[in-house]
Amino acid sequence: MKTICIFCGSSPGNDPVYAQAAQLTGATLAREGFRVVYGGGSVGLMGEVADAALAEGGEVIGVIPTGLNDKERAHSGLTELHVVGSMHERKAMMADLADGFMALPGGMGTLEEFAEIFTWAQLGIHKKPCGLLNVEGYFDPLISYFDHAVAEGFLWEDHRRIILSGDSPDDLIAQLRAYDPPAVKQWIDESET
């Protein structure tokens, strides 16, 4: 595993602990020799992750759609910046570049990106680890939702095991490295889509 994709907020959130966690994540990934791929913005938690990884000498690749290039103020100091035509292209490129995924606190965009990449794993499209950095319990309601979905028969226990969570970057990185994907049937043949 060489490249970790980060999904996180383009806002810093209300509690400084979120920015601190983003900085620690970026720095830790760089120190551990991981390349970071993310949404390409210079603001919010996105910017914090990128700046911290770059400050530690890490490689950071941004992928941003043309329509958000100005609004999210694309980061000008990245190792690579890819400006793509749509959100769909952005997510596909980030997924292709990544060996694993981490979601930090964020809003609906973060949730949507993580949900899609988890769904792809659930369908057998990829076998890459998917983790939530549960800063100060931010993802507790989402983790409870996943457990509730299992209890109610809408999510298989094998699929639930795809979703990792940790309270610190070190903890989550260790889980990503040790991830052994459950055997899931590939529901979609990508060559047919």
C-alpha atoms as a PDB file:
ATOM      1  CA  MET A   1       0.000   0.000   0.000  1.00  0.00           C
ATOM      2  CA  LYS A   2       1.590   3.229  -1.184  1.00  0.00           C
ATOM      3  CA  THR A   3      -1.187   5.786  -1.690  1.00  0.00           C
ATOM      4  CA  ILE A   4      -3.994   6.729   0.679  1.00  0.00           C
ATOM      5  CA  CYS A   5      -6.989   8.711  -0.533  1.00  0.00           C
ATOM      6  CA  ILE A   6      -8.362  11.179   2.000  1.00  0.00           C
ATOM      7  CA  PHE A   7     -11.990  12.311   2.042  1.00  0.00           C
ATOM      8  CA  CYS A   8     -12.605  15.254   4.369  1.00  0.00           C
ATOM      9  CA  GLY A   9     -14.287  18.612   4.749  1.00  0.00           C
ATOM     10  CA  SER A  10     -13.528  21.736   2.754  1.00  0.00           C
ATOM     11  CA  SER A  11     -14.525  23.482   5.994  1.00  0.00           C
ATOM     12  CA  PRO A  12     -12.442  23.383   9.183  1.00  0.00           C
ATOM     13  CA  GLY A  13     -15.477  22.595  11.357  1.00  0.00           C
ATOM     14  CA  ASN A  14     -16.278  24.354  14.617  1.00  0.00           C
ATOM     15  CA  ASP A  15     -13.821  22.569  16.897  1.00  0.00           C
ATOM     16  CA  PRO A  16     -10.056  23.094  16.412  1.00  0.00           C
ATOM     17  CA  VAL A  17      -9.547  19.391  17.183  1.00  0.00           C
ATOM     18  CA  TYR A  18     -10.645  18.573  13.612  1.00  0.00           C
ATOM     19  CA  ALA A  19      -7.900  20.692  12.046  1.00  0.00           C
ATOM     20  CA  GLN A  20      -5.376  19.236  14.479  1.00  0.00           C
ATOM     21  CA  ALA A  21      -6.411  15.712  13.502  1.00  0.00           C
ATOM     22  CA  ALA A  22      -6.151  16.594   9.801  1.00  0.00           C
ATOM     23  CA  GLN A  23      -2.661  18.011  10.322  1.00  0.00           C
ATOM     24  CA  LEU A  24      -1.595  14.944  12.291  1.00  0.00           C
ATOM     25  CA  THR A  25      -3.020  12.670   9.594  1.00  0.00           C
ATOM     26  CA  GLY A  26      -1.171  14.416   6.776  1.00  0.00           C
ATOM     27  CA  ALA A  27       2.098  14.501   8.704  1.00  0.00           C
ATOM     28  CA  THR A  28       1.793  10.875   9.817  1.00  0.00           C
ATOM     29  CA  LEU A  29       1.030   9.616   6.320  1.00  0.00           C
ATOM     30  CA  ALA A  30       4.047  11.464   4.919  1.00  0.00           C
ATOM     31  CA  ARG A  31       6.365  10.229   7.686  1.00  0.00           C
ATOM     32  CA  GLU A  32       5.142   6.671   7.077  1.00  0.00           C
ATOM     33  CA  GLY A  33       6.026   7.024   3.381  1.00  0.00           C
ATOM     34  CA  PHE A  34       2.494   7.188   2.011  1.00  0.00           C
ATOM     35  CA  ARG A  35       1.541   9.334  -0.928  1.00  0.00           C
ATOM     36  CA  VAL A  36      -1.690  11.295  -0.319  1.00  0.00           C
ATOM     37  CA  VAL A  37      -4.409  11.783  -2.895  1.00  0.00           C
ATOM     38  CA  TYR A  38      -7.322  14.071  -2.069  1.00  0.00           C
ATOM     39  CA  GLY A  39      -9.778  16.559  -3.548  1.00  0.00           C
ATOM     40  CA  GLY A  40      -7.190  19.238  -4.348  1.00  0.00           C
ATOM     41  CA  GLY A  41      -8.482  22.134  -2.247  1.00  0.00           C
ATOM     42  CA  SER A  42      -6.419  24.514  -0.141  1.00  0.00           C
ATOM     43  CA  VAL A  43      -9.155  25.247   2.395  1.00  0.00           C
ATOM     44  CA  GLY A  44     -10.652  23.495   5.410  1.00  0.00           C
ATOM     45  CA  LEU A  45      -9.473  20.076   6.508  1.00  0.00           C
ATOM     46  CA  MET A  46      -8.460  19.368   2.920  1.00  0.00           C
ATOM     47  CA  GLY A  47      -5.845  22.112   3.050  1.00  0.00           C
ATOM     48  CA  GLU A  48      -4.688  21.059   6.519  1.00  0.00           C
ATOM     49  CA  VAL A  49      -4.003  17.480   5.405  1.00  0.00           C
ATOM     50  CA  ALA A  50      -2.170  18.609   2.279  1.00  0.00           C
ATOM     51  CA  ASP A  51      -0.077  21.282   4.005  1.00  0.00           C
ATOM     52  CA  ALA A  52       0.980  18.931   6.799  1.00  0.00           C
ATOM     53  CA  ALA A  53       1.954  16.140   4.406  1.00  0.00           C
ATOM     54  CA  LEU A  54       3.907  18.553   2.211  1.00  0.00           C
ATOM     55  CA  ALA A  55       5.668  20.059   5.254  1.00  0.00           C
ATOM     56  CA  GLU A  56       6.914  16.543   6.102  1.00  0.00           C
ATOM     57  CA  GLY A  57       8.260  16.114   2.559  1.00  0.00           C
ATOM     58  CA  GLY A  58       5.399  13.907   1.396  1.00  0.00           C
ATOM     59  CA  GLU A  59       3.886  13.623  -2.062  1.00  0.00           C
ATOM     60  CA  VAL A  60       0.379  15.055  -2.369  1.00  0.00           C
ATOM     61  CA  ILE A  61      -1.820  14.658  -5.435  1.00  0.00           C
ATOM     62  CA  GLY A  62      -4.954  16.737  -5.799  1.00  0.00           C
ATOM     63  CA  VAL A  63      -7.893  16.011  -8.082  1.00  0.00           C
ATOM     64  CA  ILE A  64     -10.385  18.833  -8.503  1.00  0.00           C
ATOM     65  CA  PRO A  65     -13.191  19.402 -11.006  1.00  0.00           C
ATOM     66  CA  THR A  66     -13.136  22.567 -13.090  1.00  0.00           C
ATOM     67  CA  GLY A  67     -16.311  23.855 -11.441  1.00  0.00           C
ATOM     68  CA  LEU A  68     -14.771  23.700  -7.946  1.00  0.00           C
ATOM     69  CA  ASN A  69     -11.322  24.847  -8.964  1.00  0.00           C
ATOM     70  CA  ASP A  70     -12.004  28.463  -8.004  1.00  0.00           C
ATOM     71  CA  LYS A  71     -14.539  27.856  -5.225  1.00  0.00           C
ATOM     72  CA  GLU A  72     -12.297  25.479  -3.282  1.00  0.00           C
ATOM     73  CA  ARG A  73      -9.240  27.461  -4.254  1.00  0.00           C
ATOM     74  CA  ALA A  74      -7.126  24.664  -5.620  1.00  0.00           C
ATOM     75  CA  HIS A  75      -3.906  24.150  -3.709  1.00  0.00           C
ATOM     76  CA  SER A  76      -1.028  25.684  -5.650  1.00  0.00           C
ATOM     77  CA  GLY A  77       1.823  23.811  -3.961  1.00  0.00           C
ATOM     78  CA  LEU A  78       0.935  20.175  -4.600  1.00  0.00           C
ATOM     79  CA  THR A  79       3.179  17.533  -6.094  1.00  0.00           C
ATOM     80  CA  GLU A  80       0.519  17.068  -8.790  1.00  0.00           C
ATOM     81  CA  LEU A  81      -2.830  18.719  -9.438  1.00  0.00           C
ATOM     82  CA  HIS A  82      -5.312  17.179 -11.868  1.00  0.00           C
ATOM     83  CA  VAL A  83      -8.185  19.397 -13.002  1.00  0.00           C
ATOM     84  CA  VAL A  84     -10.953  17.165 -14.332  1.00  0.00           C
ATOM     85  CA  GLY A  85     -14.306  17.818 -15.969  1.00  0.00           C
ATOM     86  CA  SER A  86     -16.733  16.518 -13.342  1.00  0.00           C
ATOM     87  CA  MET A  87     -17.208  15.181  -9.831  1.00  0.00           C
ATOM     88  CA  HIS A  88     -17.575  11.705 -11.315  1.00  0.00           C
ATOM     89  CA  GLU A  89     -14.174  11.987 -12.976  1.00  0.00           C
ATOM     90  CA  ARG A  90     -12.695  13.300  -9.725  1.00  0.00           C
ATOM     91  CA  LYS A  91     -13.917  10.357  -7.672  1.00  0.00           C
ATOM     92  CA  ALA A  92     -12.911   7.807 -10.305  1.00  0.00           C
ATOM     93  CA  MET A  93      -9.389   9.216 -10.588  1.00  0.00           C
ATOM     94  CA  MET A  94      -8.916   9.374  -6.827  1.00  0.00           C
ATOM     95  CA  ALA A  95     -10.119   5.774  -6.517  1.00  0.00           C
ATOM     96  CA  ASP A  96      -7.808   4.616  -9.300  1.00  0.00           C
ATOM     97  CA  LEU A  97      -4.786   6.318  -7.724  1.00  0.00           C
ATOM     98  CA  ALA A  98      -5.443   5.006  -4.201  1.00  0.00           C
ATOM     99  CA  ASP A  99      -4.523   1.777  -2.449  1.00  0.00           C
ATOM    100  CA  GLY A 100      -6.730   2.616   0.547  1.00  0.00           C
ATOM    101  CA  PHE A 101      -9.193   5.225   1.793  1.00  0.00           C
ATOM    102  CA  MET A 102      -9.585   7.318   4.943  1.00  0.00           C
ATOM    103  CA  ALA A 103     -12.477   9.617   5.756  1.00  0.00           C
ATOM    104  CA  LEU A 104     -11.920  12.432   8.225  1.00  0.00           C
ATOM    105  CA  PRO A 105     -14.720  14.649   9.534  1.00  0.00           C
ATOM    106  CA  GLY A 106     -16.635  16.448   6.828  1.00  0.00           C
ATOM    107  CA  GLY A 107     -20.089  17.071   5.476  1.00  0.00           C
ATOM    108  CA  MET A 108     -22.240  15.537   2.785  1.00  0.00           C
ATOM    109  CA  GLY A 109     -19.471  15.426   0.175  1.00  0.00           C
ATOM    110  CA  THR A 110     -17.262  13.421   2.520  1.00  0.00           C
ATOM    111  CA  LEU A 111     -20.130  11.098   3.391  1.00  0.00           C
ATOM    112  CA  GLU A 112     -21.059  10.614  -0.265  1.00  0.00           C
ATOM    113  CA  GLU A 113     -17.468   9.881  -1.311  1.00  0.00           C
ATOM    114  CA  PHE A 114     -16.961   7.382   1.498  1.00  0.00           C
ATOM    115  CA  ALA A 115     -20.337   5.729   0.897  1.00  0.00           C
ATOM    116  CA  GLU A 116     -19.591   5.288  -2.787  1.00  0.00           C
ATOM    117  CA  ILE A 117     -16.142   3.797  -2.242  1.00  0.00           C
ATOM    118  CA  PHE A 118     -17.558   1.460   0.426  1.00  0.00           C
ATOM    119  CA  THR A 119     -20.346   0.429  -1.957  1.00  0.00           C
ATOM    120  CA  TRP A 120     -17.745  -0.375  -4.613  1.00  0.00           C
ATOM    121  CA  ALA A 121     -15.952  -2.617  -2.097  1.00  0.00           C
ATOM    122  CA  GLN A 122     -19.268  -4.197  -1.110  1.00  0.00           C
ATOM    123  CA  LEU A 123     -19.939  -4.983  -4.773  1.00  0.00           C
ATOM    124  CA  GLY A 124     -16.466  -6.462  -5.212  1.00  0.00           C
ATOM    125  CA  ILE A 125     -15.286  -3.746  -7.588  1.00  0.00           C
ATOM    126  CA  HIS A 126     -12.198  -3.232  -5.417  1.00  0.00           C
ATOM    127  CA  LYS A 127     -10.622  -4.831  -2.333  1.00  0.00           C
ATOM    128  CA  LYS A 128      -9.013  -1.711  -0.876  1.00  0.00           C
ATOM    129  CA  PRO A 129      -9.409  -0.850   2.812  1.00  0.00           C
ATOM    130  CA  CYS A 130     -11.906   1.857   3.808  1.00  0.00           C
ATOM    131  CA  GLY A 131     -11.481   3.579   7.168  1.00  0.00           C
ATOM    132  CA  LEU A 132     -13.075   6.300   9.259  1.00  0.00           C
ATOM    133  CA  LEU A 133     -10.863   8.504  11.447  1.00  0.00           C
ATOM    134  CA  ASN A 134     -13.283   8.871  14.327  1.00  0.00           C
ATOM    135  CA  VAL A 135     -12.050  12.184  15.761  1.00  0.00           C
ATOM    136  CA  GLU A 136     -13.712  12.853  19.131  1.00  0.00           C
ATOM    137  CA  GLY A 137     -16.490  10.392  18.202  1.00  0.00           C
ATOM    138  CA  TYR A 138     -17.467  12.357  15.080  1.00  0.00           C
ATOM    139  CA  PHE A 139     -18.432   9.191  13.200  1.00  0.00           C
ATOM    140  CA  ASP A 140     -20.141   7.417  16.127  1.00  0.00           C
ATOM    141  CA  PRO A 141     -23.644   7.981  14.654  1.00  0.00           C
ATOM    142  CA  LEU A 142     -22.513   6.632  11.256  1.00  0.00           C
ATOM    143  CA  ILE A 143     -20.854   3.596  12.846  1.00  0.00           C
ATOM    144  CA  SER A 144     -24.061   2.984  14.820  1.00  0.00           C
ATOM    145  CA  TYR A 145     -26.020   3.229  11.564  1.00  0.00           C
ATOM    146  CA  PHE A 146     -23.843   0.525   9.964  1.00  0.00           C
ATOM    147  CA  ASP A 147     -24.377  -1.738  12.983  1.00  0.00           C
ATOM    148  CA  HIS A 148     -28.121  -1.040  12.885  1.00  0.00           C
ATOM    149  CA  ALA A 149     -28.213  -1.888   9.159  1.00  0.00           C
ATOM    150  CA  VAL A 150     -26.613  -5.260   9.969  1.00  0.00           C
ATOM    151  CA  ALA A 151     -29.105  -5.901  12.778  1.00  0.00           C
ATOM    152  CA  GLU A 152     -32.019  -5.063  10.482  1.00  0.00           C
ATOM    153  CA  GLY A 153     -30.770  -7.252   7.626  1.00  0.00           C
ATOM    154  CA  PHE A 154     -29.799  -4.492   5.167  1.00  0.00           C
ATOM    155  CA  LEU A 155     -26.038  -4.949   5.442  1.00  0.00           C
ATOM    156  CA  TRP A 156     -24.232  -8.284   5.640  1.00  0.00           C
ATOM    157  CA  GLU A 157     -21.809  -8.755   8.510  1.00  0.00           C
ATOM    158  CA  ASP A 158     -19.039  -9.599   6.010  1.00  0.00           C
ATOM    159  CA  HIS A 159     -19.632  -6.270   4.321  1.00  0.00           C
ATOM    160  CA  ARG A 160     -19.729  -4.448   7.662  1.00  0.00           C
ATOM    161  CA  ARG A 161     -16.174  -5.702   8.300  1.00  0.00           C
ATOM    162  CA  ILE A 162     -15.015  -3.706   5.262  1.00  0.00           C
ATOM    163  CA  ILE A 163     -15.461  -0.490   7.257  1.00  0.00           C
ATOM    164  CA  LEU A 164     -12.569   0.141   9.618  1.00  0.00           C
ATOM    165  CA  SER A 165     -12.446   2.880  12.239  1.00  0.00           C
ATOM    166  CA  GLY A 166      -9.798   4.301  14.510  1.00  0.00           C
ATOM    167  CA  ASP A 167      -9.416   7.183  16.925  1.00  0.00           C
ATOM    168  CA  SER A 168      -5.919   8.188  15.782  1.00  0.00           C
ATOM    169  CA  PRO A 169      -4.070   8.224  12.464  1.00  0.00           C
ATOM    170  CA  ASP A 170      -1.580   5.642  13.777  1.00  0.00           C
ATOM    171  CA  ASP A 171      -4.387   3.293  14.815  1.00  0.00           C
ATOM    172  CA  LEU A 172      -6.251   3.613  11.520  1.00  0.00           C
ATOM    173  CA  ILE A 173      -3.097   3.319   9.395  1.00  0.00           C
ATOM    174  CA  ALA A 174      -2.216   0.083  11.242  1.00  0.00           C
ATOM    175  CA  GLN A 175      -5.689  -1.273  10.460  1.00  0.00           C
ATOM    176  CA  LEU A 176      -5.423  -0.252   6.798  1.00  0.00           C
ATOM    177  CA  ARG A 177      -2.083  -2.042   6.527  1.00  0.00           C
ATOM    178  CA  ALA A 178      -3.412  -5.197   8.193  1.00  0.00           C
ATOM    179  CA  TYR A 179      -6.681  -5.253   6.236  1.00  0.00           C
ATOM    180  CA  ASP A 180      -7.667  -8.647   4.890  1.00  0.00           C
ATOM    181  CA  PRO A 181     -10.679  -8.106   2.644  1.00  0.00           C
ATOM    182  CA  PRO A 182     -13.623 -10.412   3.220  1.00  0.00           C
ATOM    183  CA  ALA A 183     -14.492 -12.714   0.372  1.00  0.00           C
ATOM    184  CA  VAL A 184     -17.329 -10.962  -1.426  1.00  0.00           C
ATOM    185  CA  LYS A 185     -18.888 -11.869  -4.706  1.00  0.00           C
ATOM    186  CA  GLN A 186     -18.166  -9.370  -7.462  1.00  0.00           C
ATOM    187  CA  TRP A 187     -21.636  -8.211  -8.407  1.00  0.00           C
ATOM    188  CA  ILE A 188     -20.578  -5.978 -11.252  1.00  0.00           C
ATOM    189  CA  ASP A 189     -18.199  -6.887 -14.033  1.00  0.00           C
ATOM    190  CA  GLU A 190     -16.509  -3.559 -14.796  1.00  0.00           C
ATOM    191  CA  SER A 191     -15.801  -4.694 -18.361  1.00  0.00           C
ATOM    192  CA  GLU A 192     -19.561  -4.801 -19.002  1.00  0.00           C
ATOM    193  CA  THR A 193     -20.352  -1.287 -17.752  1.00  0.00           C
END
